[in-house]
Amino acid sequence: MTTPPDKGEGEEREGPVIRDKRRIDPETGQVREPAATPAAPGPPPGGAAASGATAPEAADPQAVELQARLDERTLDLQRLKAEYDNYRRRVERDRVAVREQALANVLNELLPILDDIGRARDHEELVGGFKSVAETLEAMTGKLGLERYGEKGEPFDPTVHEALMHGFSPDVTETSVSDVLQPGYRIGERILRPARVAVAEPEAGGEVPPAEA
């Protein structure tokens, strides 16, 4: 078989390409030498640096030490901020407590005056200029948070009432306040003075309320 003549470089070949791989040349009768196998492409000259790849750099001891110091200072600042926040909350709590204590001391000194105003009102003696001053004083103490409590007929509570008299009554179904001898005063949940009252209990052997039965 014969091979078609090679065309010039850059020209496209038309039709099938036939390669003669016979070991003996049919024209000369001599044994052909095997064609050299193309070598596999190797790394470009200059090694990895020429190809653009860079080897991982070793950690800088100085950078590692600086990072450790930075982390330590950050923790110190976080602890300092937490301590300052706790200190600020503690100071605010103490400030509120001192203010409440001072206010309670002042209002506690005014309780006898408020008692006199209450007795004068009960005897219808709260008239004229004295009435105006009394109402102004009561309004001012009310704005400061002072609250008067203790009403006849309410359930007896030993945490806010002080029983000075005790008796029995058929008109009550539980231990109740039968009379208020002296009103109580408080600021919020803080008792300045308990209400001094007379207490009435249900009579022994009386009729049991349906709810308890």
N, C-alpha and C. Protein backbone atom coordinates (compact mmCIF):
# COMPACT_ATOMS: atom_id res chain seq x y z
N MET A 1 0.86 -1.19 0.00
CA MET A 1 0.00 0.00 0.00
C MET A 1 0.88 1.22 0.00
N THR A 2 0.44 2.25 -0.64
CA THR A 2 1.21 3.49 -0.73
C THR A 2 0.49 4.56 0.03
N THR A 3 1.28 5.49 0.56
CA THR A 3 0.72 6.62 1.34
C THR A 3 0.63 7.80 0.43
N PRO A 4 -0.42 8.55 0.52
CA PRO A 4 -0.57 9.75 -0.32
C PRO A 4 0.46 10.76 0.07
N PRO A 5 0.86 11.58 -0.91
CA PRO A 5 1.88 12.59 -0.60
C PRO A 5 1.36 13.57 0.41
N ASP A 6 2.30 13.96 1.34
CA ASP A 6 1.94 14.94 2.39
C ASP A 6 1.70 16.28 1.78
N LYS A 7 0.70 16.97 2.30
CA LYS A 7 0.42 18.33 1.87
C LYS A 7 1.17 19.31 2.73
N GLY A 8 1.21 20.50 2.31
CA GLY A 8 1.95 21.54 3.04
C GLY A 8 1.31 21.84 4.38
N GLU A 9 2.14 22.46 5.25
CA GLU A 9 1.66 22.78 6.58
C GLU A 9 0.56 23.82 6.45
N GLY A 10 -0.42 23.73 7.34
CA GLY A 10 -1.53 24.66 7.34
C GLY A 10 -2.65 24.27 6.43
N GLU A 11 -2.43 23.29 5.49
CA GLU A 11 -3.49 22.87 4.60
C GLU A 11 -4.29 21.74 5.23
N GLU A 12 -5.60 21.77 5.05
CA GLU A 12 -6.46 20.74 5.60
C GLU A 12 -6.43 19.51 4.72
N ARG A 13 -6.37 18.32 5.33
CA ARG A 13 -6.38 17.07 4.60
C ARG A 13 -7.81 16.64 4.35
N GLU A 14 -8.03 16.17 3.13
CA GLU A 14 -9.35 15.71 2.78
C GLU A 14 -9.36 14.20 2.69
N GLY A 15 -10.43 13.54 3.16
CA GLY A 15 -10.57 12.10 3.08
C GLY A 15 -9.83 11.41 4.21
N PRO A 16 -9.87 10.10 4.19
CA PRO A 16 -9.23 9.32 5.28
C PRO A 16 -7.71 9.37 5.16
N VAL A 17 -7.07 9.31 6.30
CA VAL A 17 -5.61 9.30 6.38
C VAL A 17 -5.17 7.88 6.65
N ILE A 18 -4.29 7.35 5.79
CA ILE A 18 -3.81 5.96 5.91
C ILE A 18 -2.33 5.98 6.27
N ARG A 19 -2.02 5.31 7.40
CA ARG A 19 -0.63 5.26 7.86
C ARG A 19 -0.09 3.84 7.63
N ASP A 20 1.12 3.76 7.05
CA ASP A 20 1.77 2.48 6.76
C ASP A 20 2.57 2.04 7.98
N LYS A 21 2.10 0.98 8.67
CA LYS A 21 2.77 0.49 9.87
C LYS A 21 3.47 -0.85 9.63
N ARG A 22 3.76 -1.16 8.33
CA ARG A 22 4.43 -2.43 8.05
C ARG A 22 5.90 -2.34 8.46
N ARG A 23 6.43 -3.45 9.04
CA ARG A 23 7.82 -3.49 9.51
C ARG A 23 8.82 -3.53 8.34
N ILE A 24 8.41 -4.04 7.18
CA ILE A 24 9.31 -4.17 6.02
C ILE A 24 8.85 -3.23 4.93
N ASP A 25 9.75 -2.43 4.48
CA ASP A 25 9.42 -1.48 3.40
C ASP A 25 9.18 -2.26 2.13
N PRO A 26 8.01 -2.16 1.48
CA PRO A 26 7.75 -2.94 0.28
C PRO A 26 8.60 -2.52 -0.92
N GLU A 27 9.14 -1.32 -0.90
CA GLU A 27 9.93 -0.87 -2.04
C GLU A 27 11.39 -1.30 -1.94
N THR A 28 11.94 -1.16 -0.67
CA THR A 28 13.37 -1.49 -0.52
C THR A 28 13.58 -2.88 0.06
N GLY A 29 12.54 -3.45 0.72
CA GLY A 29 12.68 -4.76 1.32
C GLY A 29 13.46 -4.74 2.62
N GLN A 30 13.76 -3.58 3.18
CA GLN A 30 14.51 -3.48 4.43
C GLN A 30 13.54 -3.31 5.62
N VAL A 31 14.06 -3.71 6.78
CA VAL A 31 13.26 -3.60 8.02
C VAL A 31 13.25 -2.16 8.48
N ARG A 32 12.11 -1.67 8.75
CA ARG A 32 11.98 -0.29 9.21
C ARG A 32 12.27 -0.20 10.73
N GLU A 33 12.87 0.92 11.12
CA GLU A 33 13.11 1.19 12.54
C GLU A 33 11.81 1.72 13.19
N PRO A 34 11.48 1.22 14.39
CA PRO A 34 10.24 1.72 15.04
C PRO A 34 10.34 3.21 15.35
N ALA A 35 9.22 3.91 15.15
CA ALA A 35 9.20 5.36 15.42
C ALA A 35 9.34 5.61 16.91
N ALA A 36 10.05 6.64 17.22
CA ALA A 36 10.29 6.99 18.64
C ALA A 36 8.99 7.47 19.29
N THR A 37 8.71 6.93 20.49
CA THR A 37 7.50 7.34 21.24
C THR A 37 7.70 8.73 21.81
N PRO A 38 6.77 9.65 21.56
CA PRO A 38 6.95 11.02 22.11
C PRO A 38 6.99 11.01 23.63
N ALA A 39 7.94 11.73 24.17
CA ALA A 39 8.12 11.78 25.62
C ALA A 39 6.98 12.55 26.27
N ALA A 40 6.62 12.09 27.46
CA ALA A 40 5.55 12.76 28.21
C ALA A 40 6.01 14.15 28.61
N PRO A 41 5.12 15.10 28.56
CA PRO A 41 5.52 16.46 28.94
C PRO A 41 5.96 16.52 30.39
N GLY A 42 7.07 17.11 30.63
CA GLY A 42 7.61 17.22 31.99
C GLY A 42 7.28 18.56 32.59
N PRO A 43 7.73 18.76 33.77
CA PRO A 43 7.47 20.04 34.44
C PRO A 43 8.21 21.16 33.73
N PRO A 44 7.64 22.32 33.70
CA PRO A 44 8.30 23.44 33.03
C PRO A 44 9.60 23.80 33.71
N PRO A 45 10.50 24.39 32.95
CA PRO A 45 11.79 24.78 33.56
C PRO A 45 11.57 25.74 34.70
N GLY A 46 12.40 25.58 35.66
CA GLY A 46 12.31 26.46 36.81
C GLY A 46 11.53 25.88 37.96
N GLY A 47 10.93 24.66 37.80
CA GLY A 47 10.23 23.99 38.90
C GLY A 47 8.88 24.62 39.17
N ALA A 48 8.43 24.44 40.40
CA ALA A 48 7.10 24.90 40.78
C ALA A 48 6.99 26.40 40.74
N ALA A 49 8.12 27.09 40.94
CA ALA A 49 8.06 28.55 40.96
C ALA A 49 7.71 29.09 39.60
N ALA A 50 8.19 28.41 38.50
CA ALA A 50 7.91 28.88 37.15
C ALA A 50 6.45 28.69 36.80
N SER A 51 5.78 27.67 37.35
CA SER A 51 4.39 27.42 37.03
C SER A 51 3.43 28.29 37.82
N GLY A 52 3.91 29.08 38.72
CA GLY A 52 3.05 29.98 39.49
C GLY A 52 2.62 29.42 40.83
N ALA A 53 2.87 28.11 41.10
CA ALA A 53 2.48 27.52 42.38
C ALA A 53 3.49 27.90 43.44
N THR A 54 2.99 28.20 44.64
CA THR A 54 3.86 28.57 45.76
C THR A 54 3.69 27.57 46.89
N ALA A 55 4.76 27.21 47.50
CA ALA A 55 4.72 26.28 48.63
C ALA A 55 4.17 27.00 49.85
N PRO A 56 3.43 26.31 50.74
CA PRO A 56 2.88 26.95 51.93
C PRO A 56 3.99 27.51 52.81
N GLU A 57 3.77 28.78 53.21
CA GLU A 57 4.80 29.42 54.03
C GLU A 57 4.73 28.91 55.45
N ALA A 58 5.85 28.81 56.07
CA ALA A 58 5.92 28.38 57.46
C ALA A 58 5.38 29.49 58.35
N ALA A 59 4.70 29.12 59.48
CA ALA A 59 4.12 30.09 60.40
C ALA A 59 5.23 30.95 61.00
N ASP A 60 4.94 32.25 61.05
CA ASP A 60 5.91 33.20 61.60
C ASP A 60 5.81 33.18 63.12
N PRO A 61 6.84 32.81 63.85
CA PRO A 61 6.77 32.77 65.32
C PRO A 61 6.39 34.10 65.92
N GLN A 62 6.86 35.20 65.34
CA GLN A 62 6.53 36.50 65.88
C GLN A 62 5.04 36.82 65.71
N ALA A 63 4.47 36.42 64.54
CA ALA A 63 3.04 36.64 64.33
C ALA A 63 2.20 35.80 65.29
N VAL A 64 2.64 34.57 65.55
CA VAL A 64 1.92 33.71 66.49
C VAL A 64 1.94 34.31 67.89
N GLU A 65 3.08 34.84 68.31
CA GLU A 65 3.19 35.44 69.63
C GLU A 65 2.31 36.69 69.74
N LEU A 66 2.30 37.52 68.68
CA LEU A 66 1.46 38.71 68.69
C LEU A 66 -0.02 38.35 68.77
N GLN A 67 -0.42 37.30 68.05
CA GLN A 67 -1.82 36.87 68.10
C GLN A 67 -2.19 36.38 69.49
N ALA A 68 -1.27 35.65 70.14
CA ALA A 68 -1.54 35.17 71.50
C ALA A 68 -1.69 36.34 72.46
N ARG A 69 -0.83 37.35 72.32
CA ARG A 69 -0.94 38.53 73.19
C ARG A 69 -2.25 39.27 72.94
N LEU A 70 -2.65 39.36 71.67
CA LEU A 70 -3.90 40.03 71.34
C LEU A 70 -5.10 39.30 71.96
N ASP A 71 -5.10 37.98 71.88
CA ASP A 71 -6.20 37.20 72.49
C ASP A 71 -6.23 37.41 74.00
N GLU A 72 -5.06 37.44 74.62
CA GLU A 72 -5.00 37.64 76.07
C GLU A 72 -5.53 39.01 76.47
N ARG A 73 -5.15 40.05 75.71
CA ARG A 73 -5.63 41.40 76.03
C ARG A 73 -7.14 41.51 75.80
N THR A 74 -7.64 40.80 74.79
CA THR A 74 -9.09 40.83 74.53
C THR A 74 -9.85 40.21 75.70
N LEU A 75 -9.35 39.09 76.22
CA LEU A 75 -10.00 38.46 77.39
C LEU A 75 -9.94 39.38 78.60
N ASP A 76 -8.81 40.07 78.78
CA ASP A 76 -8.69 41.00 79.91
C ASP A 76 -9.73 42.12 79.80
N LEU A 77 -9.91 42.66 78.60
CA LEU A 77 -10.89 43.72 78.40
C LEU A 77 -12.31 43.22 78.64
N GLN A 78 -12.60 42.00 78.22
CA GLN A 78 -13.93 41.45 78.44
C GLN A 78 -14.21 41.26 79.93
N ARG A 79 -13.21 40.77 80.67
CA ARG A 79 -13.39 40.61 82.12
C ARG A 79 -13.56 41.97 82.79
N LEU A 80 -12.78 42.96 82.36
CA LEU A 80 -12.88 44.29 82.93
C LEU A 80 -14.26 44.90 82.67
N LYS A 81 -14.77 44.72 81.47
CA LYS A 81 -16.10 45.25 81.15
C LYS A 81 -17.18 44.57 81.99
N ALA A 82 -17.08 43.24 82.17
CA ALA A 82 -18.07 42.54 82.99
C ALA A 82 -18.02 43.02 84.44
N GLU A 83 -16.82 43.24 84.98
CA GLU A 83 -16.70 43.74 86.34
C GLU A 83 -17.29 45.15 86.47
N TYR A 84 -17.06 45.98 85.46
CA TYR A 84 -17.59 47.34 85.50
C TYR A 84 -19.12 47.32 85.44
N ASP A 85 -19.68 46.46 84.59
CA ASP A 85 -21.14 46.37 84.50
C ASP A 85 -21.74 45.92 85.84
N ASN A 86 -21.11 44.94 86.48
CA ASN A 86 -21.60 44.49 87.78
C ASN A 86 -21.49 45.60 88.83
N TYR A 87 -20.39 46.33 88.78
CA TYR A 87 -20.21 47.43 89.72
C TYR A 87 -21.26 48.52 89.51
N ARG A 88 -21.54 48.85 88.26
CA ARG A 88 -22.54 49.88 87.97
C ARG A 88 -23.92 49.45 88.42
N ARG A 89 -24.28 48.18 88.21
CA ARG A 89 -25.59 47.70 88.67
C ARG A 89 -25.66 47.72 90.20
N ARG A 90 -24.56 47.34 90.85
CA ARG A 90 -24.55 47.32 92.32
C ARG A 90 -24.69 48.74 92.87
N VAL A 91 -24.00 49.71 92.25
CA VAL A 91 -24.10 51.10 92.70
C VAL A 91 -25.52 51.62 92.50
N GLU A 92 -26.12 51.31 91.36
CA GLU A 92 -27.49 51.76 91.11
C GLU A 92 -28.46 51.14 92.10
N ARG A 93 -28.27 49.86 92.42
CA ARG A 93 -29.14 49.20 93.39
C ARG A 93 -28.98 49.82 94.78
N ASP A 94 -27.74 50.10 95.16
CA ASP A 94 -27.50 50.73 96.47
C ASP A 94 -28.07 52.14 96.51
N ARG A 95 -27.95 52.86 95.40
CA ARG A 95 -28.48 54.22 95.36
C ARG A 95 -29.99 54.22 95.55
N VAL A 96 -30.68 53.29 94.89
CA VAL A 96 -32.13 53.20 95.03
C VAL A 96 -32.50 52.82 96.47
N ALA A 97 -31.74 51.88 97.05
CA ALA A 97 -32.03 51.46 98.42
C ALA A 97 -31.83 52.62 99.40
N VAL A 98 -30.76 53.40 99.22
CA VAL A 98 -30.52 54.54 100.11
C VAL A 98 -31.63 55.58 99.97
N ARG A 99 -32.05 55.82 98.73
CA ARG A 99 -33.14 56.80 98.51
C ARG A 99 -34.42 56.32 99.19
N GLU A 100 -34.75 55.04 99.04
CA GLU A 100 -35.97 54.52 99.65
C GLU A 100 -35.89 54.60 101.18
N GLN A 101 -34.71 54.32 101.73
CA GLN A 101 -34.55 54.37 103.18
C GLN A 101 -34.70 55.81 103.69
N ALA A 102 -34.08 56.75 102.98
CA ALA A 102 -34.20 58.15 103.39
C ALA A 102 -35.64 58.63 103.29
N LEU A 103 -36.33 58.25 102.22
CA LEU A 103 -37.72 58.64 102.06
C LEU A 103 -38.59 58.03 103.15
N ALA A 104 -38.32 56.76 103.49
CA ALA A 104 -39.09 56.10 104.54
C ALA A 104 -38.88 56.78 105.88
N ASN A 105 -37.66 57.22 106.15
CA ASN A 105 -37.39 57.90 107.42
C ASN A 105 -38.15 59.22 107.52
N VAL A 106 -38.18 59.97 106.43
CA VAL A 106 -38.89 61.26 106.44
C VAL A 106 -40.39 61.04 106.62
N LEU A 107 -40.96 60.10 105.83
CA LEU A 107 -42.39 59.87 105.92
C LEU A 107 -42.79 59.28 107.27
N ASN A 108 -41.89 58.50 107.85
CA ASN A 108 -42.19 57.91 109.15
C ASN A 108 -42.35 59.00 110.22
N GLU A 109 -41.61 60.10 110.07
CA GLU A 109 -41.74 61.21 111.01
C GLU A 109 -43.04 61.97 110.81
N LEU A 110 -43.65 61.85 109.64
CA LEU A 110 -44.90 62.56 109.35
C LEU A 110 -46.14 61.76 109.75
N LEU A 111 -45.97 60.50 110.13
CA LEU A 111 -47.14 59.68 110.46
C LEU A 111 -47.96 60.23 111.62
N PRO A 112 -47.34 60.72 112.71
CA PRO A 112 -48.17 61.30 113.79
C PRO A 112 -49.02 62.49 113.31
N ILE A 113 -48.47 63.30 112.40
CA ILE A 113 -49.24 64.43 111.88
C ILE A 113 -50.42 63.92 111.06
N LEU A 114 -50.19 62.88 110.26
CA LEU A 114 -51.28 62.30 109.47
C LEU A 114 -52.34 61.68 110.37
N ASP A 115 -51.92 61.11 111.51
CA ASP A 115 -52.89 60.57 112.45
C ASP A 115 -53.76 61.69 113.02
N ASP A 116 -53.16 62.82 113.35
CA ASP A 116 -53.93 63.96 113.88
C ASP A 116 -54.92 64.47 112.83
N ILE A 117 -54.48 64.51 111.57
CA ILE A 117 -55.39 64.95 110.51
C ILE A 117 -56.56 63.99 110.39
N GLY A 118 -56.30 62.69 110.49
CA GLY A 118 -57.38 61.70 110.40
C GLY A 118 -58.36 61.83 111.55
N ARG A 119 -57.89 62.05 112.78
CA ARG A 119 -58.78 62.20 113.92
C ARG A 119 -59.61 63.48 113.79
N ALA A 120 -58.96 64.55 113.31
CA ALA A 120 -59.71 65.79 113.12
C ALA A 120 -60.80 65.61 112.07
N ARG A 121 -60.53 64.85 111.04
CA ARG A 121 -61.55 64.61 110.01
C ARG A 121 -62.70 63.77 110.58
N ASP A 122 -62.37 62.78 111.41
CA ASP A 122 -63.42 61.95 112.01
C ASP A 122 -64.33 62.79 112.91
N HIS A 123 -63.80 63.80 113.57
CA HIS A 123 -64.59 64.64 114.48
C HIS A 123 -65.11 65.90 113.78
N GLU A 124 -64.95 65.94 112.44
CA GLU A 124 -65.44 67.07 111.65
C GLU A 124 -64.81 68.39 112.10
N GLU A 125 -63.56 68.33 112.46
CA GLU A 125 -62.84 69.52 112.87
C GLU A 125 -61.87 70.00 111.79
N LEU A 126 -61.89 69.34 110.64
CA LEU A 126 -60.98 69.69 109.55
C LEU A 126 -61.65 70.76 108.69
N VAL A 127 -61.48 72.01 109.08
CA VAL A 127 -62.15 73.12 108.40
C VAL A 127 -61.16 74.26 108.18
N GLY A 128 -61.55 75.18 107.32
CA GLY A 128 -60.77 76.39 107.12
C GLY A 128 -59.40 76.14 106.51
N GLY A 129 -58.46 76.99 106.95
CA GLY A 129 -57.09 76.88 106.44
C GLY A 129 -56.43 75.57 106.84
N PHE A 130 -56.77 75.05 108.02
CA PHE A 130 -56.20 73.77 108.46
C PHE A 130 -56.56 72.65 107.49
N LYS A 131 -57.80 72.70 106.94
CA LYS A 131 -58.23 71.67 105.98
C LYS A 131 -57.39 71.74 104.71
N SER A 132 -57.12 72.96 104.24
CA SER A 132 -56.32 73.11 103.02
C SER A 132 -54.90 72.59 103.21
N VAL A 133 -54.29 72.92 104.36
CA VAL A 133 -52.93 72.45 104.64
C VAL A 133 -52.90 70.93 104.77
N ALA A 134 -53.90 70.35 105.43
CA ALA A 134 -53.96 68.90 105.62
C ALA A 134 -54.10 68.18 104.29
N GLU A 135 -54.97 68.68 103.44
CA GLU A 135 -55.15 68.03 102.13
C GLU A 135 -53.89 68.15 101.28
N THR A 136 -53.19 69.28 101.37
CA THR A 136 -51.94 69.43 100.62
C THR A 136 -50.89 68.46 101.11
N LEU A 137 -50.80 68.29 102.44
CA LEU A 137 -49.82 67.36 103.01
C LEU A 137 -50.13 65.93 102.61
N GLU A 138 -51.40 65.55 102.63
CA GLU A 138 -51.78 64.19 102.24
C GLU A 138 -51.50 63.95 100.76
N ALA A 139 -51.75 64.94 99.92
CA ALA A 139 -51.48 64.78 98.50
C ALA A 139 -49.98 64.65 98.24
N MET A 140 -49.17 65.43 98.96
CA MET A 140 -47.72 65.38 98.77
C MET A 140 -47.17 64.01 99.18
N THR A 141 -47.61 63.51 100.33
CA THR A 141 -47.12 62.19 100.76
C THR A 141 -47.60 61.08 99.82
N GLY A 142 -48.80 61.27 99.25
CA GLY A 142 -49.28 60.28 98.29
C GLY A 142 -48.43 60.25 97.04
N LYS A 143 -47.97 61.42 96.56
CA LYS A 143 -47.09 61.46 95.40
C LYS A 143 -45.75 60.79 95.69
N LEU A 144 -45.33 60.84 96.93
CA LEU A 144 -44.05 60.21 97.30
C LEU A 144 -44.19 58.70 97.47
N GLY A 145 -45.40 58.17 97.31
CA GLY A 145 -45.60 56.72 97.36
C GLY A 145 -46.18 56.21 98.66
N LEU A 146 -46.51 57.12 99.59
CA LEU A 146 -47.07 56.67 100.87
C LEU A 146 -48.52 56.25 100.67
N GLU A 147 -48.87 55.06 101.17
CA GLU A 147 -50.22 54.52 101.01
C GLU A 147 -50.79 54.16 102.37
N ARG A 148 -51.98 54.60 102.61
CA ARG A 148 -52.69 54.28 103.87
C ARG A 148 -53.54 53.04 103.62
N TYR A 149 -53.58 52.14 104.59
CA TYR A 149 -54.39 50.93 104.43
C TYR A 149 -54.97 50.53 105.79
N GLY A 150 -55.89 49.58 105.71
CA GLY A 150 -56.61 49.11 106.90
C GLY A 150 -58.06 49.53 106.85
N GLU A 151 -58.95 48.59 106.54
CA GLU A 151 -60.37 48.88 106.45
C GLU A 151 -61.16 47.86 107.28
N LYS A 152 -62.22 48.32 107.84
CA LYS A 152 -63.08 47.45 108.63
C LYS A 152 -63.72 46.41 107.73
N GLY A 153 -63.69 45.14 108.16
CA GLY A 153 -64.32 44.05 107.42
C GLY A 153 -63.36 43.28 106.53
N GLU A 154 -62.13 43.76 106.33
CA GLU A 154 -61.19 43.02 105.48
C GLU A 154 -60.59 41.85 106.25
N PRO A 155 -60.16 40.79 105.55
CA PRO A 155 -59.56 39.64 106.25
C PRO A 155 -58.31 40.04 107.03
N PHE A 156 -58.16 39.42 108.17
CA PHE A 156 -57.00 39.72 109.02
C PHE A 156 -55.75 39.06 108.45
N ASP A 157 -54.69 39.85 108.30
CA ASP A 157 -53.41 39.37 107.78
C ASP A 157 -52.33 39.75 108.79
N PRO A 158 -51.76 38.79 109.50
CA PRO A 158 -50.77 39.13 110.53
C PRO A 158 -49.50 39.79 110.00
N THR A 159 -49.28 39.71 108.68
CA THR A 159 -48.08 40.35 108.12
C THR A 159 -48.25 41.85 107.96
N VAL A 160 -49.50 42.32 107.92
CA VAL A 160 -49.74 43.76 107.74
C VAL A 160 -50.63 44.34 108.85
N HIS A 161 -51.22 43.48 109.66
CA HIS A 161 -52.09 43.93 110.74
C HIS A 161 -51.48 43.58 112.09
N GLU A 162 -51.75 44.43 113.06
CA GLU A 162 -51.36 44.17 114.45
C GLU A 162 -52.64 44.13 115.28
N ALA A 163 -52.97 42.95 115.79
CA ALA A 163 -54.22 42.78 116.54
C ALA A 163 -54.03 43.26 117.97
N LEU A 164 -54.82 44.29 118.35
CA LEU A 164 -54.79 44.80 119.72
C LEU A 164 -55.99 44.32 120.53
N MET A 165 -57.04 43.91 119.85
CA MET A 165 -58.25 43.42 120.53
C MET A 165 -58.74 42.19 119.78
N HIS A 166 -59.39 41.30 120.55
CA HIS A 166 -59.85 40.05 119.95
C HIS A 166 -61.24 39.74 120.46
N GLY A 167 -62.10 39.20 119.57
CA GLY A 167 -63.44 38.84 119.98
C GLY A 167 -64.06 37.87 118.99
N PHE A 168 -65.34 37.54 119.24
CA PHE A 168 -66.08 36.62 118.36
C PHE A 168 -67.32 37.35 117.85
N SER A 169 -67.74 36.97 116.66
CA SER A 169 -68.90 37.60 116.05
C SER A 169 -69.62 36.61 115.16
N PRO A 170 -70.97 36.59 115.21
CA PRO A 170 -71.72 35.71 114.33
C PRO A 170 -71.80 36.24 112.90
N ASP A 171 -71.32 37.47 112.68
CA ASP A 171 -71.45 38.08 111.36
C ASP A 171 -70.25 37.80 110.45
N VAL A 172 -69.24 37.08 110.94
CA VAL A 172 -68.05 36.81 110.12
C VAL A 172 -67.90 35.31 109.94
N THR A 173 -67.33 34.94 108.81
CA THR A 173 -67.07 33.53 108.52
C THR A 173 -65.58 33.21 108.56
N GLU A 174 -64.76 34.23 108.75
CA GLU A 174 -63.31 34.04 108.89
C GLU A 174 -62.78 35.15 109.78
N THR A 175 -61.55 35.00 110.23
CA THR A 175 -60.96 36.01 111.09
C THR A 175 -60.83 37.31 110.30
N SER A 176 -61.51 38.35 110.79
CA SER A 176 -61.60 39.60 110.05
C SER A 176 -61.33 40.78 110.97
N VAL A 177 -61.12 41.93 110.33
CA VAL A 177 -60.91 43.18 111.06
C VAL A 177 -62.28 43.73 111.43
N SER A 178 -62.55 43.82 112.74
CA SER A 178 -63.83 44.37 113.18
C SER A 178 -63.76 45.87 113.41
N ASP A 179 -62.58 46.42 113.65
CA ASP A 179 -62.43 47.85 113.83
C ASP A 179 -60.97 48.23 113.60
N VAL A 180 -60.75 49.42 113.06
CA VAL A 180 -59.40 49.93 112.82
C VAL A 180 -59.09 50.95 113.91
N LEU A 181 -58.16 50.62 114.77
CA LEU A 181 -57.78 51.53 115.85
C LEU A 181 -56.76 52.56 115.39
N GLN A 182 -55.91 52.16 114.49
CA GLN A 182 -54.90 53.08 113.92
C GLN A 182 -54.55 52.57 112.53
N PRO A 183 -54.67 53.41 111.51
CA PRO A 183 -54.39 52.93 110.14
C PRO A 183 -52.91 52.60 109.95
N GLY A 184 -52.67 51.74 108.98
CA GLY A 184 -51.29 51.39 108.64
C GLY A 184 -50.82 52.17 107.43
N TYR A 185 -49.50 52.24 107.26
CA TYR A 185 -48.91 52.97 106.13
C TYR A 185 -47.79 52.11 105.54
N ARG A 186 -47.67 52.19 104.22
CA ARG A 186 -46.61 51.44 103.53
C ARG A 186 -46.18 52.20 102.28
N ILE A 187 -44.98 51.85 101.81
CA ILE A 187 -44.45 52.37 100.55
C ILE A 187 -44.16 51.16 99.67
N GLY A 188 -45.01 50.95 98.68
CA GLY A 188 -44.85 49.75 97.87
C GLY A 188 -45.09 48.51 98.70
N GLU A 189 -44.08 47.65 98.79
CA GLU A 189 -44.17 46.44 99.60
C GLU A 189 -43.57 46.63 100.98
N ARG A 190 -43.09 47.81 101.27
CA ARG A 190 -42.41 48.08 102.55
C ARG A 190 -43.42 48.65 103.55
N ILE A 191 -43.58 47.98 104.68
CA ILE A 191 -44.51 48.40 105.71
C ILE A 191 -43.80 49.39 106.63
N LEU A 192 -44.33 50.64 106.68
CA LEU A 192 -43.79 51.62 107.63
C LEU A 192 -44.40 51.43 109.02
N ARG A 193 -45.68 51.13 109.04
CA ARG A 193 -46.36 50.88 110.31
C ARG A 193 -47.53 49.95 110.06
N PRO A 194 -47.65 48.85 110.78
CA PRO A 194 -48.80 47.96 110.57
C PRO A 194 -50.09 48.62 111.07
N ALA A 195 -51.17 48.20 110.47
CA ALA A 195 -52.47 48.70 110.92
C ALA A 195 -52.83 48.02 112.24
N ARG A 196 -53.17 48.82 113.22
CA ARG A 196 -53.55 48.31 114.54
C ARG A 196 -55.07 48.17 114.58
N VAL A 197 -55.51 46.94 114.78
CA VAL A 197 -56.93 46.65 114.58
C VAL A 197 -57.48 45.79 115.71
N ALA A 198 -58.83 45.72 115.73
CA ALA A 198 -59.55 44.75 116.55
C ALA A 198 -59.98 43.61 115.65
N VAL A 199 -59.84 42.39 116.16
CA VAL A 199 -60.08 41.20 115.34
C VAL A 199 -61.31 40.46 115.86
N ALA A 200 -62.12 39.97 114.92
CA ALA A 200 -63.29 39.17 115.26
C ALA A 200 -63.19 37.83 114.56
N GLU A 201 -63.51 36.76 115.31
CA GLU A 201 -63.50 35.40 114.76
C GLU A 201 -64.93 34.85 114.76
N PRO A 202 -65.21 33.86 113.91
CA PRO A 202 -66.54 33.24 113.94
C PRO A 202 -66.79 32.61 115.31
N GLU A 203 -68.04 32.66 115.76
CA GLU A 203 -68.38 32.09 117.06
C GLU A 203 -68.23 30.57 117.02
N ALA A 204 -67.79 30.01 118.12
CA ALA A 204 -67.61 28.56 118.21
C ALA A 204 -68.97 27.89 118.13
N GLY A 205 -69.08 26.81 117.34
CA GLY A 205 -70.33 26.07 117.20
C GLY A 205 -71.30 26.74 116.26
N GLY A 206 -70.86 27.80 115.56
CA GLY A 206 -71.75 28.48 114.64
C GLY A 206 -71.96 27.67 113.38
N GLU A 207 -72.81 28.17 112.52
CA GLU A 207 -73.12 27.47 111.28
C GLU A 207 -71.92 27.50 110.34
N VAL A 208 -71.58 26.36 109.76
CA VAL A 208 -70.44 26.26 108.87
C VAL A 208 -70.86 26.76 107.49
N PRO A 209 -70.10 27.65 106.90
CA PRO A 209 -70.43 28.14 105.55
C PRO A 209 -70.50 27.01 104.54
N PRO A 210 -71.38 27.14 103.53
CA PRO A 210 -71.53 26.06 102.52
C PRO A 210 -70.21 25.73 101.84
N ALA A 211 -69.38 26.72 101.58
CA ALA A 211 -68.13 26.44 100.89
C ALA A 211 -67.24 25.55 101.72
N GLU A 212 -67.18 25.79 103.03
CA GLU A 212 -66.33 24.96 103.88
C GLU A 212 -66.96 23.59 104.09
N ALA A 213 -68.32 23.51 104.13
CA ALA A 213 -68.97 22.21 104.30
C ALA A 213 -68.70 21.33 103.11
